[in-house]
Amino acid sequence: MKVIYKITYPNGKIYIGKDLTGTLNYFGSANSKLIEQDFTPEEQRDFTIRKELLWESETASDTAVNQKEVEFIRQYSSNNPAIGYNRWPTLQKPQQASI
């Protein structure tokens, strides 16, 4: 089973990822150093995260799963550093109006 999942950390920030094998205990490849910066050593001693499956498919191609992952990252804005830990795809900078 191929899945797209959302990890929610104790601070409310999220990470959207994919698993092409449907492994229950796979929690993604978010940047550990980036996450560790948001928690004190004491907070890291008792740390609970939540994994939610957002989408699943037995038949989707890897390419389709990759596209779906990007859709969910954008939908949840988890690539916005204030909201989540995804760093790709990068946020689009707003276009400045011409004068």
PDB file of N, CA and C in Angstrom:
ATOM      1  N   MET A   1       0.836  -1.178   0.000  1.00  0.00           N
ATOM      2  CA  MET A   1       0.000   0.000   0.000  1.00  0.00           C
ATOM      3  C   MET A   1       0.885   1.247   0.000  1.00  0.00           C
ATOM      4  N   LYS A   2       0.619   2.156  -0.889  1.00  0.00           N
ATOM      5  CA  LYS A   2       1.339   3.434  -0.937  1.00  0.00           C
ATOM      6  C   LYS A   2       0.494   4.470  -0.204  1.00  0.00           C
ATOM      7  N   VAL A   3       1.149   5.297   0.603  1.00  0.00           N
ATOM      8  CA  VAL A   3       0.402   6.240   1.428  1.00  0.00           C
ATOM      9  C   VAL A   3       1.053   7.621   1.449  1.00  0.00           C
ATOM     10  N   ILE A   4       0.220   8.615   1.704  1.00  0.00           N
ATOM     11  CA  ILE A   4       0.662   9.965   2.048  1.00  0.00           C
ATOM     12  C   ILE A   4       0.218  10.168   3.491  1.00  0.00           C
ATOM     13  N   TYR A   5       1.124  10.656   4.327  1.00  0.00           N
ATOM     14  CA  TYR A   5       0.818  10.800   5.747  1.00  0.00           C
ATOM     15  C   TYR A   5       1.173  12.200   6.224  1.00  0.00           C
ATOM     16  N   LYS A   6       0.590  12.543   7.372  1.00  0.00           N
ATOM     17  CA  LYS A   6       0.898  13.812   8.038  1.00  0.00           C
ATOM     18  C   LYS A   6       1.382  13.479   9.430  1.00  0.00           C
ATOM     19  N   ILE A   7       2.565  13.986   9.776  1.00  0.00           N
ATOM     20  CA  ILE A   7       3.109  13.866  11.116  1.00  0.00           C
ATOM     21  C   ILE A   7       2.851  15.199  11.823  1.00  0.00           C
ATOM     22  N   THR A   8       2.288  15.139  13.031  1.00  0.00           N
ATOM     23  CA  THR A   8       2.080  16.344  13.829  1.00  0.00           C
ATOM     24  C   THR A   8       2.951  16.243  15.074  1.00  0.00           C
ATOM     25  N   TYR A   9       3.772  17.257  15.274  1.00  0.00           N
ATOM     26  CA  TYR A   9       4.702  17.313  16.403  1.00  0.00           C
ATOM     27  C   TYR A   9       4.053  18.027  17.583  1.00  0.00           C
ATOM     28  N   PRO A  10       4.617  17.898  18.787  1.00  0.00           N
ATOM     29  CA  PRO A  10       4.013  18.508  19.981  1.00  0.00           C
ATOM     30  C   PRO A  10       3.805  20.020  19.887  1.00  0.00           C
ATOM     31  N   ASN A  11       4.580  20.695  19.060  1.00  0.00           N
ATOM     32  CA  ASN A  11       4.434  22.140  18.906  1.00  0.00           C
ATOM     33  C   ASN A  11       3.377  22.514  17.861  1.00  0.00           C
ATOM     34  N   GLY A  12       2.723  21.508  17.272  1.00  0.00           N
ATOM     35  CA  GLY A  12       1.686  21.760  16.282  1.00  0.00           C
ATOM     36  C   GLY A  12       2.187  21.810  14.849  1.00  0.00           C
ATOM     37  N   LYS A  13       3.503  21.885  14.661  1.00  0.00           N
ATOM     38  CA  LYS A  13       4.035  21.887  13.306  1.00  0.00           C
ATOM     39  C   LYS A  13       3.873  20.503  12.690  1.00  0.00           C
ATOM     40  N   ILE A  14       3.798  20.488  11.349  1.00  0.00           N
ATOM     41  CA  ILE A  14       3.519  19.239  10.651  1.00  0.00           C
ATOM     42  C   ILE A  14       4.578  18.912   9.605  1.00  0.00           C
ATOM     43  N   TYR A  15       4.580  17.667   9.211  1.00  0.00           N
ATOM     44  CA  TYR A  15       5.428  17.189   8.116  1.00  0.00           C
ATOM     45  C   TYR A  15       4.570  16.264   7.266  1.00  0.00           C
ATOM     46  N   ILE A  16       4.547  16.497   5.966  1.00  0.00           N
ATOM     47  CA  ILE A  16       3.829  15.640   5.028  1.00  0.00           C
ATOM     48  C   ILE A  16       4.860  14.776   4.317  1.00  0.00           C
ATOM     49  N   GLY A  17       4.594  13.489   4.246  1.00  0.00           N
ATOM     50  CA  GLY A  17       5.518  12.590   3.580  1.00  0.00           C
ATOM     51  C   GLY A  17       4.797  11.471   2.862  1.00  0.00           C
ATOM     52  N   LYS A  18       5.577  10.646   2.202  1.00  0.00           N
ATOM     53  CA  LYS A  18       5.027   9.512   1.483  1.00  0.00           C
ATOM     54  C   LYS A  18       5.767   8.255   1.887  1.00  0.00           C
ATOM     55  N   ASP A  19       5.100   7.143   1.748  1.00  0.00           N
ATOM     56  CA  ASP A  19       5.706   5.831   1.980  1.00  0.00           C
ATOM     57  C   ASP A  19       5.215   4.930   0.854  1.00  0.00           C
ATOM     58  N   LEU A  20       6.136   4.456   0.060  1.00  0.00           N
ATOM     59  CA  LEU A  20       5.784   3.634  -1.087  1.00  0.00           C
ATOM     60  C   LEU A  20       5.622   2.165  -0.717  1.00  0.00           C
ATOM     61  N   THR A  21       5.852   1.826   0.552  1.00  0.00           N
ATOM     62  CA  THR A  21       5.746   0.434   0.984  1.00  0.00           C
ATOM     63  C   THR A  21       4.669   0.219   2.038  1.00  0.00           C
ATOM     64  N   GLY A  22       4.099   1.276   2.582  1.00  0.00           N
ATOM     65  CA  GLY A  22       3.049   1.159   3.582  1.00  0.00           C
ATOM     66  C   GLY A  22       3.533   0.640   4.923  1.00  0.00           C
ATOM     67  N   THR A  23       4.758   0.960   5.286  1.00  0.00           N
ATOM     68  CA  THR A  23       5.336   0.503   6.544  1.00  0.00           C
ATOM     69  C   THR A  23       4.768   1.304   7.713  1.00  0.00           C
ATOM     70  N   LEU A  24       4.201   0.620   8.679  1.00  0.00           N
ATOM     71  CA  LEU A  24       3.542   1.291   9.804  1.00  0.00           C
ATOM     72  C   LEU A  24       4.476   2.202  10.584  1.00  0.00           C
ATOM     73  N   ASN A  25       5.695   1.759  10.848  1.00  0.00           N
ATOM     74  CA  ASN A  25       6.589   2.550  11.701  1.00  0.00           C
ATOM     75  C   ASN A  25       7.537   3.450  10.920  1.00  0.00           C
ATOM     76  N   TYR A  26       7.235   3.772   9.679  1.00  0.00           N
ATOM     77  CA  TYR A  26       8.030   4.743   8.935  1.00  0.00           C
ATOM     78  C   TYR A  26       7.465   6.133   9.201  1.00  0.00           C
ATOM     79  N   PHE A  27       8.335   7.018   9.668  1.00  0.00           N
ATOM     80  CA  PHE A  27       7.902   8.366  10.026  1.00  0.00           C
ATOM     81  C   PHE A  27       8.578   9.446   9.201  1.00  0.00           C
ATOM     82  N   GLY A  28       9.085   9.094   8.055  1.00  0.00           N
ATOM     83  CA  GLY A  28       9.569  10.079   7.122  1.00  0.00           C
ATOM     84  C   GLY A  28      11.015  10.457   7.283  1.00  0.00           C
ATOM     85  N   SER A  29      11.402  11.413   6.459  1.00  0.00           N
ATOM     86  CA  SER A  29      12.792  11.846   6.428  1.00  0.00           C
ATOM     87  C   SER A  29      12.905  13.349   6.662  1.00  0.00           C
ATOM     88  N   ALA A  30      12.084  13.847   7.575  1.00  0.00           N
ATOM     89  CA  ALA A  30      12.191  15.264   7.940  1.00  0.00           C
ATOM     90  C   ALA A  30      13.572  15.523   8.531  1.00  0.00           C
ATOM     91  N   ASN A  31      14.041  16.736   8.398  1.00  0.00           N
ATOM     92  CA  ASN A  31      15.363  17.126   8.880  1.00  0.00           C
ATOM     93  C   ASN A  31      15.370  17.152  10.415  1.00  0.00           C
ATOM     94  N   SER A  32      16.057  16.189  11.017  1.00  0.00           N
ATOM     95  CA  SER A  32      16.091  16.068  12.482  1.00  0.00           C
ATOM     96  C   SER A  32      16.640  17.314  13.159  1.00  0.00           C
ATOM     97  N   LYS A  33      17.694  17.890  12.621  1.00  0.00           N
ATOM     98  CA  LYS A  33      18.297  19.089  13.232  1.00  0.00           C
ATOM     99  C   LYS A  33      17.297  20.245  13.235  1.00  0.00           C
ATOM    100  N   LEU A  34      16.535  20.358  12.170  1.00  0.00           N
ATOM    101  CA  LEU A  34      15.529  21.413  12.070  1.00  0.00           C
ATOM    102  C   LEU A  34      14.465  21.244  13.158  1.00  0.00           C
ATOM    103  N   ILE A  35      14.026  20.023  13.371  1.00  0.00           N
ATOM    104  CA  ILE A  35      13.008  19.747  14.378  1.00  0.00           C
ATOM    105  C   ILE A  35      13.573  19.935  15.783  1.00  0.00           C
ATOM    106  N   GLU A  36      14.780  19.438  16.021  1.00  0.00           N
ATOM    107  CA  GLU A  36      15.403  19.539  17.348  1.00  0.00           C
ATOM    108  C   GLU A  36      15.534  20.979  17.820  1.00  0.00           C
ATOM    109  N   GLN A  37      15.712  21.918  16.887  1.00  0.00           N
ATOM    110  CA  GLN A  37      15.842  23.335  17.245  1.00  0.00           C
ATOM    111  C   GLN A  37      14.596  23.870  17.948  1.00  0.00           C
ATOM    112  N   ASP A  38      13.457  23.253  17.683  1.00  0.00           N
ATOM    113  CA  ASP A  38      12.194  23.748  18.223  1.00  0.00           C
ATOM    114  C   ASP A  38      11.849  23.186  19.600  1.00  0.00           C
ATOM    115  N   PHE A  39      12.695  22.290  20.127  1.00  0.00           N
ATOM    116  CA  PHE A  39      12.382  21.645  21.397  1.00  0.00           C
ATOM    117  C   PHE A  39      13.582  21.687  22.329  1.00  0.00           C
ATOM    118  N   THR A  40      13.320  21.989  23.585  1.00  0.00           N
ATOM    119  CA  THR A  40      14.383  21.992  24.586  1.00  0.00           C
ATOM    120  C   THR A  40      14.811  20.549  24.862  1.00  0.00           C
ATOM    121  N   PRO A  41      16.000  20.359  25.443  1.00  0.00           N
ATOM    122  CA  PRO A  41      16.403  19.000  25.813  1.00  0.00           C
ATOM    123  C   PRO A  41      15.369  18.323  26.731  1.00  0.00           C
ATOM    124  N   GLU A  42      14.770  19.088  27.627  1.00  0.00           N
ATOM    125  CA  GLU A  42      13.751  18.517  28.507  1.00  0.00           C
ATOM    126  C   GLU A  42      12.517  18.060  27.719  1.00  0.00           C
ATOM    127  N   GLU A  43      12.084  18.880  26.771  1.00  0.00           N
ATOM    128  CA  GLU A  43      10.928  18.506  25.946  1.00  0.00           C
ATOM    129  C   GLU A  43      11.223  17.264  25.106  1.00  0.00           C
ATOM    130  N   GLN A  44      12.477  17.088  24.737  1.00  0.00           N
ATOM    131  CA  GLN A  44      12.843  15.935  23.920  1.00  0.00           C
ATOM    132  C   GLN A  44      12.835  14.635  24.714  1.00  0.00           C
ATOM    133  N   ARG A  45      12.790  14.712  26.034  1.00  0.00           N
ATOM    134  CA  ARG A  45      12.802  13.506  26.878  1.00  0.00           C
ATOM    135  C   ARG A  45      11.474  12.754  26.849  1.00  0.00           C
ATOM    136  N   ASP A  46      10.371  13.456  26.579  1.00  0.00           N
ATOM    137  CA  ASP A  46       9.051  12.836  26.504  1.00  0.00           C
ATOM    138  C   ASP A  46       8.369  13.453  25.298  1.00  0.00           C
ATOM    139  N   PHE A  47       8.404  12.755  24.198  1.00  0.00           N
ATOM    140  CA  PHE A  47       8.092  13.335  22.897  1.00  0.00           C
ATOM    141  C   PHE A  47       7.084  12.451  22.175  1.00  0.00           C
ATOM    142  N   THR A  48       5.900  12.981  21.942  1.00  0.00           N
ATOM    143  CA  THR A  48       4.860  12.219  21.260  1.00  0.00           C
ATOM    144  C   THR A  48       4.522  12.888  19.939  1.00  0.00           C
ATOM    145  N   ILE A  49       4.508  12.096  18.878  1.00  0.00           N
ATOM    146  CA  ILE A  49       4.075  12.606  17.576  1.00  0.00           C
ATOM    147  C   ILE A  49       2.879  11.786  17.114  1.00  0.00           C
ATOM    148  N   ARG A  50       2.132  12.364  16.202  1.00  0.00           N
ATOM    149  CA  ARG A  50       0.947  11.690  15.655  1.00  0.00           C
ATOM    150  C   ARG A  50       1.144  11.499  14.165  1.00  0.00           C
ATOM    151  N   LYS A  51       0.833  10.308  13.683  1.00  0.00           N
ATOM    152  CA  LYS A  51       0.897  10.006  12.251  1.00  0.00           C
ATOM    153  C   LYS A  51      -0.513   9.720  11.763  1.00  0.00           C
ATOM    154  N   GLU A  52      -0.955  10.507  10.777  1.00  0.00           N
ATOM    155  CA  GLU A  52      -2.266  10.315  10.172  1.00  0.00           C
ATOM    156  C   GLU A  52      -2.089   9.963   8.703  1.00  0.00           C
ATOM    157  N   LEU A  53      -2.787   8.963   8.229  1.00  0.00           N
ATOM    158  CA  LEU A  53      -2.780   8.659   6.807  1.00  0.00           C
ATOM    159  C   LEU A  53      -3.803   9.563   6.126  1.00  0.00           C
ATOM    160  N   LEU A  54      -3.324  10.335   5.146  1.00  0.00           N
ATOM    161  CA  LEU A  54      -4.190  11.268   4.435  1.00  0.00           C
ATOM    162  C   LEU A  54      -4.748  10.670   3.155  1.00  0.00           C
ATOM    163  N   TRP A  55      -3.994   9.722   2.571  1.00  0.00           N
ATOM    164  CA  TRP A  55      -4.346   9.160   1.268  1.00  0.00           C
ATOM    165  C   TRP A  55      -3.637   7.837   1.122  1.00  0.00           C
ATOM    166  N   GLU A  56      -4.261   6.893   0.451  1.00  0.00           N
ATOM    167  CA  GLU A  56      -3.615   5.605   0.210  1.00  0.00           C
ATOM    168  C   GLU A  56      -4.075   5.016  -1.108  1.00  0.00           C
ATOM    169  N   SER A  57      -3.223   4.185  -1.697  1.00  0.00           N
ATOM    170  CA  SER A  57      -3.554   3.539  -2.963  1.00  0.00           C
ATOM    171  C   SER A  57      -2.756   2.254  -3.112  1.00  0.00           C
ATOM    172  N   GLU A  58      -3.416   1.247  -3.625  1.00  0.00           N
ATOM    173  CA  GLU A  58      -2.729  -0.001  -3.947  1.00  0.00           C
ATOM    174  C   GLU A  58      -2.255  -0.016  -5.386  1.00  0.00           C
ATOM    175  N   THR A  59      -2.745   0.919  -6.205  1.00  0.00           N
ATOM    176  CA  THR A  59      -2.480   0.854  -7.647  1.00  0.00           C
ATOM    177  C   THR A  59      -1.743   2.060  -8.216  1.00  0.00           C
ATOM    178  N   ALA A  60      -1.600   3.135  -7.460  1.00  0.00           N
ATOM    179  CA  ALA A  60      -0.970   4.353  -7.992  1.00  0.00           C
ATOM    180  C   ALA A  60       0.499   4.106  -8.325  1.00  0.00           C
ATOM    181  N   SER A  61       0.952   4.748  -9.378  1.00  0.00           N
ATOM    182  CA  SER A  61       2.377   4.683  -9.734  1.00  0.00           C
ATOM    183  C   SER A  61       3.173   5.531  -8.752  1.00  0.00           C
ATOM    184  N   ASP A  62       4.468   5.285  -8.678  1.00  0.00           N
ATOM    185  CA  ASP A  62       5.324   6.104  -7.814  1.00  0.00           C
ATOM    186  C   ASP A  62       5.242   7.570  -8.221  1.00  0.00           C
ATOM    187  N   THR A  63       5.163   7.833  -9.525  1.00  0.00           N
ATOM    188  CA  THR A  63       5.053   9.209 -10.017  1.00  0.00           C
ATOM    189  C   THR A  63       3.770   9.861  -9.514  1.00  0.00           C
ATOM    190  N   ALA A  64       2.663   9.122  -9.549  1.00  0.00           N
ATOM    191  CA  ALA A  64       1.393   9.662  -9.064  1.00  0.00           C
ATOM    192  C   ALA A  64       1.455   9.944  -7.563  1.00  0.00           C
ATOM    193  N   VAL A  65       2.123   9.067  -6.796  1.00  0.00           N
ATOM    194  CA  VAL A  65       2.268   9.278  -5.352  1.00  0.00           C
ATOM    195  C   VAL A  65       3.109  10.531  -5.094  1.00  0.00           C
ATOM    196  N   ASN A  66       4.186  10.696  -5.859  1.00  0.00           N
ATOM    197  CA  ASN A  66       5.024  11.897  -5.716  1.00  0.00           C
ATOM    198  C   ASN A  66       4.210  13.161  -5.963  1.00  0.00           C
ATOM    199  N   GLN A  67       3.378  13.149  -6.987  1.00  0.00           N
ATOM    200  CA  GLN A  67       2.536  14.309  -7.296  1.00  0.00           C
ATOM    201  C   GLN A  67       1.534  14.561  -6.180  1.00  0.00           C
ATOM    202  N   LYS A  68       0.965  13.490  -5.642  1.00  0.00           N
ATOM    203  CA  LYS A  68      -0.011  13.609  -4.559  1.00  0.00           C
ATOM    204  C   LYS A  68       0.642  14.197  -3.307  1.00  0.00           C
ATOM    205  N   GLU A  69       1.879  13.783  -3.040  1.00  0.00           N
ATOM    206  CA  GLU A  69       2.607  14.322  -1.891  1.00  0.00           C
ATOM    207  C   GLU A  69       2.755  15.836  -2.011  1.00  0.00           C
ATOM    208  N   VAL A  70       3.142  16.307  -3.174  1.00  0.00           N
ATOM    209  CA  VAL A  70       3.299  17.748  -3.396  1.00  0.00           C
ATOM    210  C   VAL A  70       1.955  18.462  -3.222  1.00  0.00           C
ATOM    211  N   GLU A  71       0.886  17.856  -3.717  1.00  0.00           N
ATOM    212  CA  GLU A  71      -0.450  18.450  -3.546  1.00  0.00           C
ATOM    213  C   GLU A  71      -0.765  18.659  -2.063  1.00  0.00           C
ATOM    214  N   PHE A  72      -0.503  17.631  -1.256  1.00  0.00           N
ATOM    215  CA  PHE A  72      -0.802  17.733   0.178  1.00  0.00           C
ATOM    216  C   PHE A  72       0.128  18.717   0.879  1.00  0.00           C
ATOM    217  N   ILE A  73       1.397  18.763   0.498  1.00  0.00           N
ATOM    218  CA  ILE A  73       2.317  19.741   1.085  1.00  0.00           C
ATOM    219  C   ILE A  73       1.787  21.150   0.839  1.00  0.00           C
ATOM    220  N   ARG A  74       1.336  21.398  -0.371  1.00  0.00           N
ATOM    221  CA  ARG A  74       0.794  22.722  -0.699  1.00  0.00           C
ATOM    222  C   ARG A  74      -0.544  22.963  -0.004  1.00  0.00           C
ATOM    223  N   GLN A  75      -1.396  21.950   0.036  1.00  0.00           N
ATOM    224  CA  GLN A  75      -2.707  22.092   0.679  1.00  0.00           C
ATOM    225  C   GLN A  75      -2.562  22.445   2.158  1.00  0.00           C
ATOM    226  N   TYR A  76      -1.656  21.783   2.847  1.00  0.00           N
ATOM    227  CA  TYR A  76      -1.455  22.017   4.277  1.00  0.00           C
ATOM    228  C   TYR A  76      -0.415  23.098   4.568  1.00  0.00           C
ATOM    229  N   SER A  77       0.242  23.630   3.543  1.00  0.00           N
ATOM    230  CA  SER A  77       1.301  24.649   3.681  1.00  0.00           C
ATOM    231  C   SER A  77       2.411  24.189   4.618  1.00  0.00           C
ATOM    232  N   SER A  78       2.717  22.904   4.581  1.00  0.00           N
ATOM    233  CA  SER A  78       3.751  22.381   5.479  1.00  0.00           C
ATOM    234  C   SER A  78       5.158  22.770   5.037  1.00  0.00           C
ATOM    235  N   ASN A  79       5.277  23.419   3.886  1.00  0.00           N
ATOM    236  CA  ASN A  79       6.564  23.957   3.450  1.00  0.00           C
ATOM    237  C   ASN A  79       6.755  25.404   3.906  1.00  0.00           C
ATOM    238  N   ASN A  80       5.795  25.926   4.662  1.00  0.00           N
ATOM    239  CA  ASN A  80       5.928  27.234   5.303  1.00  0.00           C
ATOM    240  C   ASN A  80       6.580  26.977   6.660  1.00  0.00           C
ATOM    241  N   PRO A  81       7.781  27.512   6.920  1.00  0.00           N
ATOM    242  CA  PRO A  81       8.489  27.224   8.174  1.00  0.00           C
ATOM    243  C   PRO A  81       7.690  27.531   9.437  1.00  0.00           C
ATOM    244  N   ALA A  82       6.714  28.396   9.372  1.00  0.00           N
ATOM    245  CA  ALA A  82       5.882  28.688  10.541  1.00  0.00           C
ATOM    246  C   ALA A  82       4.857  27.588  10.798  1.00  0.00           C
ATOM    247  N   ILE A  83       4.615  26.756   9.792  1.00  0.00           N
ATOM    248  CA  ILE A  83       3.573  25.727   9.875  1.00  0.00           C
ATOM    249  C   ILE A  83       4.149  24.321   9.918  1.00  0.00           C
ATOM    250  N   GLY A  84       5.227  24.103   9.147  1.00  0.00           N
ATOM    251  CA  GLY A  84       5.707  22.734   9.040  1.00  0.00           C
ATOM    252  C   GLY A  84       7.185  22.597   8.751  1.00  0.00           C
ATOM    253  N   TYR A  85       7.586  21.338   8.606  1.00  0.00           N
ATOM    254  CA  TYR A  85       9.000  20.991   8.438  1.00  0.00           C
ATOM    255  C   TYR A  85       9.375  20.575   7.021  1.00  0.00           C
ATOM    256  N   ASN A  86       8.437  20.581   6.091  1.00  0.00           N
ATOM    257  CA  ASN A  86       8.812  20.312   4.708  1.00  0.00           C
ATOM    258  C   ASN A  86       9.574  21.517   4.167  1.00  0.00           C
ATOM    259  N   ARG A  87      10.625  21.278   3.471  1.00  0.00           N
ATOM    260  CA  ARG A  87      11.383  22.378   2.868  1.00  0.00           C
ATOM    261  C   ARG A  87      11.325  22.331   1.354  1.00  0.00           C
ATOM    262  N   TRP A  88      10.590  21.387   0.845  1.00  0.00           N
ATOM    263  CA  TRP A  88      10.390  21.246  -0.589  1.00  0.00           C
ATOM    264  C   TRP A  88       8.941  20.866  -0.811  1.00  0.00           C
ATOM    265  N   PRO A  89       8.257  21.317  -1.815  1.00  0.00           N
ATOM    266  CA  PRO A  89       8.732  22.339  -2.740  1.00  0.00           C
ATOM    267  C   PRO A  89       8.843  23.686  -2.037  1.00  0.00           C
ATOM    268  N   THR A  90       9.767  24.482  -2.516  1.00  0.00           N
ATOM    269  CA  THR A  90       9.986  25.775  -1.881  1.00  0.00           C
ATOM    270  C   THR A  90       8.758  26.658  -2.077  1.00  0.00           C
ATOM    271  N   LEU A  91       8.572  27.558  -1.126  1.00  0.00           N
ATOM    272  CA  LEU A  91       7.458  28.499  -1.228  1.00  0.00           C
ATOM    273  C   LEU A  91       7.663  29.425  -2.409  1.00  0.00           C
ATOM    274  N   GLN A  92       6.577  29.723  -3.085  1.00  0.00           N
ATOM    275  CA  GLN A  92       6.624  30.685  -4.181  1.00  0.00           C
ATOM    276  C   GLN A  92       6.620  32.089  -3.594  1.00  0.00           C
ATOM    277  N   LYS A  93       7.557  32.892  -4.031  1.00  0.00           N
ATOM    278  CA  LYS A  93       7.560  34.296  -3.581  1.00  0.00           C
ATOM    279  C   LYS A  93       6.534  35.068  -4.380  1.00  0.00           C
ATOM    280  N   PRO A  94       5.762  35.922  -3.713  1.00  0.00           N
ATOM    281  CA  PRO A  94       4.734  36.690  -4.426  1.00  0.00           C
ATOM    282  C   PRO A  94       5.365  37.599  -5.474  1.00  0.00           C
ATOM    283  N   GLN A  95       4.692  37.698  -6.590  1.00  0.00           N
ATOM    284  CA  GLN A  95       5.135  38.593  -7.660  1.00  0.00           C
ATOM    285  C   GLN A  95       4.860  40.025  -7.261  1.00  0.00           C
ATOM    286  N   GLN A  96       5.848  40.894  -7.473  1.00  0.00           N
ATOM    287  CA  GLN A  96       5.637  42.311  -7.188  1.00  0.00           C
ATOM    288  C   GLN A  96       4.991  42.955  -8.399  1.00  0.00           C
ATOM    289  N   ALA A  97       4.018  43.806  -8.142  1.00  0.00           N
ATOM    290  CA  ALA A  97       3.304  44.484  -9.217  1.00  0.00           C
ATOM    291  C   ALA A  97       4.217  45.501  -9.879  1.00  0.00           C
ATOM    292  N   SER A  98       4.095  45.586 -11.191  1.00  0.00           N
ATOM    293  CA  SER A  98       4.854  46.599 -11.940  1.00  0.00           C
ATOM    294  C   SER A  98       4.166  47.931 -11.791  1.00  0.00           C
ATOM    295  N   ILE A  99       4.978  48.962 -11.732  1.00  0.00           N
ATOM    296  CA  ILE A  99       4.412  50.319 -11.593  1.00  0.00           C
ATOM    297  C   ILE A  99       4.400  51.004 -12.912  1.00  0.00           C
TER     298      ILE A  99
END
